[in-house]
Amino acid sequence: MGRRPFVRQQILEAAFDLIATEGFEAVATRDIAKAAGVGPASMFKHFATKEDLGRELYRVAIAPLQTAMTELAATSPKPAEVVRGAVRILYAAYDERPRALALLIFPPHVFTPWEVDPANRDAVRPVLRRLLRADEDLAAIVWGAITGPLSDRYLRRRAGRMAPHAAVHAERVVRLISEEKP
């Protein structure tokens, strides 16, 4: 008899909640198991280690974003179009699954999953940097400008969708990187 997918999903959802709010290092596996309504032994049947669970969370959370960013890259857009596209992608992802996007914004420190590893050319941030044709500092500033409103909304538990604000926020970031001065 196979493992019930429902139990695995319960564990993932509980882990999303706890890790996105408390951080990977601060959450114990027993806390995740308790929040999921399963015993620790049952949790380890699905995920051999906490790191395996973390990697699966990232895989689930980041894969759609990687696909969207790859599609954006395929259009070879100008930097301003990159910003607009990235904001639209990230804000829509936030509206759909805020906890999943929180994992991208607040990554754990114990391990760096392949999906968010800066050395991985296909991770979301390196793709953004490459598309912007920016150095690390500028790319970090743009990343912060794009994800800052999402961080604020998430951490302050503010209600409402972010996608309606994407165009305005994107234009502010475009002004930030624009070579033209007012």
C-alpha atoms as a PDB file:
ATOM      1  CA  MET A   1       0.000   0.000   0.000  1.00  0.00           C
ATOM      2  CA  GLY A   2       1.473   3.361  -1.050  1.00  0.00           C
ATOM      3  CA  ARG A   3       1.745   6.479   1.015  1.00  0.00           C
ATOM      4  CA  ARG A   4      -1.357   8.575   0.978  1.00  0.00           C
ATOM      5  CA  PRO A   5      -0.873  11.712  -1.136  1.00  0.00           C
ATOM      6  CA  PHE A   6      -3.225  13.530   1.223  1.00  0.00           C
ATOM      7  CA  VAL A   7      -0.827  13.074   4.161  1.00  0.00           C
ATOM      8  CA  ARG A   8       2.099  14.287   2.061  1.00  0.00           C
ATOM      9  CA  GLN A   9       0.074  17.343   1.045  1.00  0.00           C
ATOM     10  CA  GLN A  10      -0.883  18.032   4.685  1.00  0.00           C
ATOM     11  CA  ILE A  11       2.796  17.950   5.628  1.00  0.00           C
ATOM     12  CA  LEU A  12       3.745  20.292   2.774  1.00  0.00           C
ATOM     13  CA  GLU A  13       0.977  22.762   3.645  1.00  0.00           C
ATOM     14  CA  ALA A  14       1.930  22.770   7.337  1.00  0.00           C
ATOM     15  CA  ALA A  15       5.587  23.240   6.409  1.00  0.00           C
ATOM     16  CA  PHE A  16       4.699  26.109   4.036  1.00  0.00           C
ATOM     17  CA  ASP A  17       2.841  27.858   6.856  1.00  0.00           C
ATOM     18  CA  LEU A  18       5.491  27.401   9.513  1.00  0.00           C
ATOM     19  CA  ILE A  19       8.637  27.905   7.447  1.00  0.00           C
ATOM     20  CA  ALA A  20       7.265  30.923   5.590  1.00  0.00           C
ATOM     21  CA  THR A  21       6.463  32.671   8.880  1.00  0.00           C
ATOM     22  CA  GLU A  22       9.122  31.337  11.263  1.00  0.00           C
ATOM     23  CA  GLY A  23      12.015  30.520   8.929  1.00  0.00           C
ATOM     24  CA  PHE A  24      13.525  27.169   8.043  1.00  0.00           C
ATOM     25  CA  GLU A  25      16.043  27.053  10.876  1.00  0.00           C
ATOM     26  CA  ALA A  26      13.514  27.958  13.577  1.00  0.00           C
ATOM     27  CA  VAL A  27      10.983  25.249  12.758  1.00  0.00           C
ATOM     28  CA  ALA A  28      11.431  21.765  14.184  1.00  0.00           C
ATOM     29  CA  THR A  29      10.170  18.722  12.311  1.00  0.00           C
ATOM     30  CA  ARG A  30       8.003  17.807  15.301  1.00  0.00           C
ATOM     31  CA  ASP A  31       6.280  21.220  14.957  1.00  0.00           C
ATOM     32  CA  ILE A  32       5.582  20.525  11.290  1.00  0.00           C
ATOM     33  CA  ALA A  33       4.257  17.047  12.082  1.00  0.00           C
ATOM     34  CA  LYS A  34       2.020  18.429  14.832  1.00  0.00           C
ATOM     35  CA  ALA A  35       0.655  21.183  12.577  1.00  0.00           C
ATOM     36  CA  ALA A  36      -0.004  18.592   9.855  1.00  0.00           C
ATOM     37  CA  GLY A  37      -1.808  16.332  12.306  1.00  0.00           C
ATOM     38  CA  VAL A  38       0.584  13.434  11.776  1.00  0.00           C
ATOM     39  CA  GLY A  39       3.183  11.723  13.898  1.00  0.00           C
ATOM     40  CA  PRO A  40       6.885  12.419  13.367  1.00  0.00           C
ATOM     41  CA  ALA A  41       7.409   8.859  12.117  1.00  0.00           C
ATOM     42  CA  SER A  42       4.713   9.355   9.494  1.00  0.00           C
ATOM     43  CA  MET A  43       6.360  12.574   8.374  1.00  0.00           C
ATOM     44  CA  PHE A  44       9.712  10.844   7.919  1.00  0.00           C
ATOM     45  CA  LYS A  45       8.051   8.194   5.753  1.00  0.00           C
ATOM     46  CA  HIS A  46       7.325  10.974   3.281  1.00  0.00           C
ATOM     47  CA  PHE A  47      10.495  13.050   3.754  1.00  0.00           C
ATOM     48  CA  ALA A  48      13.660  11.384   5.028  1.00  0.00           C
ATOM     49  CA  THR A  49      15.120  14.638   6.368  1.00  0.00           C
ATOM     50  CA  LYS A  50      14.066  18.189   7.058  1.00  0.00           C
ATOM     51  CA  GLU A  51      16.308  19.270   4.192  1.00  0.00           C
ATOM     52  CA  ASP A  52      14.455  16.904   1.823  1.00  0.00           C
ATOM     53  CA  LEU A  53      11.203  18.522   2.919  1.00  0.00           C
ATOM     54  CA  GLY A  54      12.694  21.980   2.347  1.00  0.00           C
ATOM     55  CA  ARG A  55      13.885  21.034  -1.126  1.00  0.00           C
ATOM     56  CA  GLU A  56      10.431  19.698  -2.012  1.00  0.00           C
ATOM     57  CA  LEU A  57       8.836  22.925  -0.788  1.00  0.00           C
ATOM     58  CA  TYR A  58      11.141  24.898  -3.042  1.00  0.00           C
ATOM     59  CA  ARG A  59      10.507  22.602  -5.984  1.00  0.00           C
ATOM     60  CA  VAL A  60       6.755  23.060  -5.615  1.00  0.00           C
ATOM     61  CA  ALA A  61       6.998  26.808  -5.001  1.00  0.00           C
ATOM     62  CA  ILE A  62       9.656  27.778  -7.501  1.00  0.00           C
ATOM     63  CA  ALA A  63       9.078  25.546 -10.543  1.00  0.00           C
ATOM     64  CA  PRO A  64       6.199  27.642 -11.954  1.00  0.00           C
ATOM     65  CA  LEU A  65       8.230  30.831 -11.477  1.00  0.00           C
ATOM     66  CA  GLN A  66      11.245  29.329 -13.217  1.00  0.00           C
ATOM     67  CA  THR A  67       9.055  28.360 -16.153  1.00  0.00           C
ATOM     68  CA  ALA A  68       7.536  31.842 -16.356  1.00  0.00           C
ATOM     69  CA  MET A  69      10.944  33.539 -16.143  1.00  0.00           C
ATOM     70  CA  THR A  70      12.337  31.219 -18.825  1.00  0.00           C
ATOM     71  CA  GLU A  71       9.418  32.154 -21.070  1.00  0.00           C
ATOM     72  CA  LEU A  72      10.102  35.834 -20.360  1.00  0.00           C
ATOM     73  CA  ALA A  73      13.765  35.309 -21.249  1.00  0.00           C
ATOM     74  CA  ALA A  74      12.782  33.680 -24.551  1.00  0.00           C
ATOM     75  CA  THR A  75      11.287  36.964 -25.731  1.00  0.00           C
ATOM     76  CA  SER A  76      14.675  38.734 -25.304  1.00  0.00           C
ATOM     77  CA  PRO A  77      13.046  41.791 -23.769  1.00  0.00           C
ATOM     78  CA  LYS A  78      14.634  45.122 -22.950  1.00  0.00           C
ATOM     79  CA  PRO A  79      15.400  45.737 -19.243  1.00  0.00           C
ATOM     80  CA  ALA A  80      12.222  47.785 -18.705  1.00  0.00           C
ATOM     81  CA  GLU A  81      10.155  44.954 -20.210  1.00  0.00           C
ATOM     82  CA  VAL A  82      12.002  42.482 -17.988  1.00  0.00           C
ATOM     83  CA  VAL A  83      11.019  44.466 -14.898  1.00  0.00           C
ATOM     84  CA  ARG A  84       7.407  44.726 -16.001  1.00  0.00           C
ATOM     85  CA  GLY A  85       7.263  41.017 -16.781  1.00  0.00           C
ATOM     86  CA  ALA A  86       9.002  39.960 -13.566  1.00  0.00           C
ATOM     87  CA  VAL A  87       6.716  42.125 -11.423  1.00  0.00           C
ATOM     88  CA  ARG A  88       3.650  40.765 -13.196  1.00  0.00           C
ATOM     89  CA  ILE A  89       4.875  37.151 -12.723  1.00  0.00           C
ATOM     90  CA  LEU A  90       5.841  37.556  -9.060  1.00  0.00           C
ATOM     91  CA  TYR A  91       2.748  39.530  -8.050  1.00  0.00           C
ATOM     92  CA  ALA A  92       0.429  37.023  -9.725  1.00  0.00           C
ATOM     93  CA  ALA A  93       2.310  34.196  -7.978  1.00  0.00           C
ATOM     94  CA  TYR A  94       1.917  36.009  -4.659  1.00  0.00           C
ATOM     95  CA  ASP A  95      -1.829  36.337  -5.167  1.00  0.00           C
ATOM     96  CA  GLU A  96      -2.083  32.648  -5.988  1.00  0.00           C
ATOM     97  CA  ARG A  97       0.142  31.273  -3.191  1.00  0.00           C
ATOM     98  CA  PRO A  98       1.618  33.859  -0.823  1.00  0.00           C
ATOM     99  CA  ARG A  99       3.258  31.249   1.396  1.00  0.00           C
ATOM    100  CA  ALA A 100       5.012  29.643  -1.542  1.00  0.00           C
ATOM    101  CA  LEU A 101       6.357  32.963  -2.765  1.00  0.00           C
ATOM    102  CA  ALA A 102       7.519  33.778   0.764  1.00  0.00           C
ATOM    103  CA  LEU A 103       9.950  30.877   0.439  1.00  0.00           C
ATOM    104  CA  LEU A 104      11.560  32.618  -2.514  1.00  0.00           C
ATOM    105  CA  ILE A 105      11.664  35.993  -0.798  1.00  0.00           C
ATOM    106  CA  PHE A 106      12.903  34.636   2.553  1.00  0.00           C
ATOM    107  CA  PRO A 107      15.062  31.613   1.664  1.00  0.00           C
ATOM    108  CA  PRO A 108      16.432  29.345   4.408  1.00  0.00           C
ATOM    109  CA  HIS A 109      20.023  29.628   5.471  1.00  0.00           C
ATOM    110  CA  VAL A 110      20.903  26.044   6.325  1.00  0.00           C
ATOM    111  CA  PHE A 111      20.898  24.861   2.738  1.00  0.00           C
ATOM    112  CA  THR A 112      20.489  26.458  -0.628  1.00  0.00           C
ATOM    113  CA  PRO A 113      18.210  24.426  -2.862  1.00  0.00           C
ATOM    114  CA  TRP A 114      19.229  24.161  -6.495  1.00  0.00           C
ATOM    115  CA  GLU A 115      16.115  26.100  -7.467  1.00  0.00           C
ATOM    116  CA  VAL A 116      17.259  29.244  -5.625  1.00  0.00           C
ATOM    117  CA  ASP A 117      21.028  28.733  -5.711  1.00  0.00           C
ATOM    118  CA  PRO A 118      22.645  31.892  -7.140  1.00  0.00           C
ATOM    119  CA  ALA A 119      25.070  29.632  -9.027  1.00  0.00           C
ATOM    120  CA  ASN A 120      22.136  28.014 -10.846  1.00  0.00           C
ATOM    121  CA  ARG A 121      21.690  29.920 -14.110  1.00  0.00           C
ATOM    122  CA  ASP A 122      18.013  28.927 -14.224  1.00  0.00           C
ATOM    123  CA  ALA A 123      17.053  30.152 -10.745  1.00  0.00           C
ATOM    124  CA  VAL A 124      14.676  33.111 -10.684  1.00  0.00           C
ATOM    125  CA  ARG A 125      17.116  35.766  -9.433  1.00  0.00           C
ATOM    126  CA  PRO A 126      20.008  34.870 -11.784  1.00  0.00           C
ATOM    127  CA  VAL A 127      17.616  34.858 -14.757  1.00  0.00           C
ATOM    128  CA  LEU A 128      16.397  38.310 -13.731  1.00  0.00           C
ATOM    129  CA  ARG A 129      19.981  39.562 -13.372  1.00  0.00           C
ATOM    130  CA  ARG A 130      20.966  38.177 -16.763  1.00  0.00           C
ATOM    131  CA  LEU A 131      17.920  39.669 -18.461  1.00  0.00           C
ATOM    132  CA  LEU A 132      18.603  43.061 -16.891  1.00  0.00           C
ATOM    133  CA  ARG A 133      22.237  42.846 -17.987  1.00  0.00           C
ATOM    134  CA  ALA A 134      23.026  44.125 -14.494  1.00  0.00           C
ATOM    135  CA  ASP A 135      25.868  43.675 -12.060  1.00  0.00           C
ATOM    136  CA  GLU A 136      25.181  41.956  -8.737  1.00  0.00           C
ATOM    137  CA  ASP A 137      24.535  45.188  -6.851  1.00  0.00           C
ATOM    138  CA  LEU A 138      22.007  46.565  -9.309  1.00  0.00           C
ATOM    139  CA  ALA A 139      20.325  43.165  -9.597  1.00  0.00           C
ATOM    140  CA  ALA A 140      20.011  43.004  -5.787  1.00  0.00           C
ATOM    141  CA  ILE A 141      18.514  46.501  -5.684  1.00  0.00           C
ATOM    142  CA  VAL A 142      16.000  45.621  -8.397  1.00  0.00           C
ATOM    143  CA  TRP A 143      15.140  42.346  -6.636  1.00  0.00           C
ATOM    144  CA  GLY A 144      14.541  44.254  -3.397  1.00  0.00           C
ATOM    145  CA  ALA A 145      12.441  46.882  -5.153  1.00  0.00           C
ATOM    146  CA  ILE A 146      10.315  44.195  -6.800  1.00  0.00           C
ATOM    147  CA  THR A 147       9.886  41.952  -3.763  1.00  0.00           C
ATOM    148  CA  GLY A 148       9.776  44.673  -1.088  1.00  0.00           C
ATOM    149  CA  PRO A 149       6.041  45.341  -1.441  1.00  0.00           C
ATOM    150  CA  LEU A 150       5.395  41.583  -1.362  1.00  0.00           C
ATOM    151  CA  SER A 151       7.487  41.229   1.803  1.00  0.00           C
ATOM    152  CA  ASP A 152       5.639  44.083   3.452  1.00  0.00           C
ATOM    153  CA  ARG A 153       2.238  42.673   2.503  1.00  0.00           C
ATOM    154  CA  TYR A 154       3.178  39.184   3.697  1.00  0.00           C
ATOM    155  CA  LEU A 155       4.872  40.109   6.971  1.00  0.00           C
ATOM    156  CA  ARG A 156       2.174  42.575   7.982  1.00  0.00           C
ATOM    157  CA  ARG A 157      -0.537  40.096   6.955  1.00  0.00           C
ATOM    158  CA  ARG A 158      -2.288  42.711   4.897  1.00  0.00           C
ATOM    159  CA  ALA A 159      -5.271  41.579   2.886  1.00  0.00           C
ATOM    160  CA  GLY A 160      -5.771  42.179  -0.788  1.00  0.00           C
ATOM    161  CA  ARG A 161      -4.357  41.150  -4.104  1.00  0.00           C
ATOM    162  CA  MET A 162      -1.046  42.435  -5.439  1.00  0.00           C
ATOM    163  CA  ALA A 163      -1.586  41.926  -9.185  1.00  0.00           C
ATOM    164  CA  PRO A 164      -3.668  45.116  -9.528  1.00  0.00           C
ATOM    165  CA  HIS A 165      -0.647  47.089  -8.272  1.00  0.00           C
ATOM    166  CA  ALA A 166       1.898  45.377 -10.538  1.00  0.00           C
ATOM    167  CA  ALA A 167       1.906  47.973 -13.326  1.00  0.00           C
ATOM    168  CA  VAL A 168       2.398  50.938 -10.982  1.00  0.00           C
ATOM    169  CA  HIS A 169       5.117  49.177  -8.971  1.00  0.00           C
ATOM    170  CA  ALA A 170       6.861  48.038 -12.157  1.00  0.00           C
ATOM    171  CA  GLU A 171       6.978  51.595 -13.502  1.00  0.00           C
ATOM    172  CA  ARG A 172       8.572  52.781 -10.253  1.00  0.00           C
ATOM    173  CA  VAL A 173      11.270  50.117 -10.569  1.00  0.00           C
ATOM    174  CA  VAL A 174      11.763  50.988 -14.245  1.00  0.00           C
ATOM    175  CA  ARG A 175      12.367  54.617 -13.205  1.00  0.00           C
ATOM    176  CA  LEU A 176      14.906  53.336 -10.682  1.00  0.00           C
ATOM    177  CA  ILE A 177      16.966  51.621 -13.376  1.00  0.00           C
ATOM    178  CA  SER A 178      16.324  54.123 -16.153  1.00  0.00           C
ATOM    179  CA  GLU A 179      19.310  55.994 -17.485  1.00  0.00           C
ATOM    180  CA  GLU A 180      17.137  58.998 -18.205  1.00  0.00           C
ATOM    181  CA  LYS A 181      16.987  61.498 -15.373  1.00  0.00           C
ATOM    182  CA  PRO A 182      13.914  63.702 -14.870  1.00  0.00           C
END
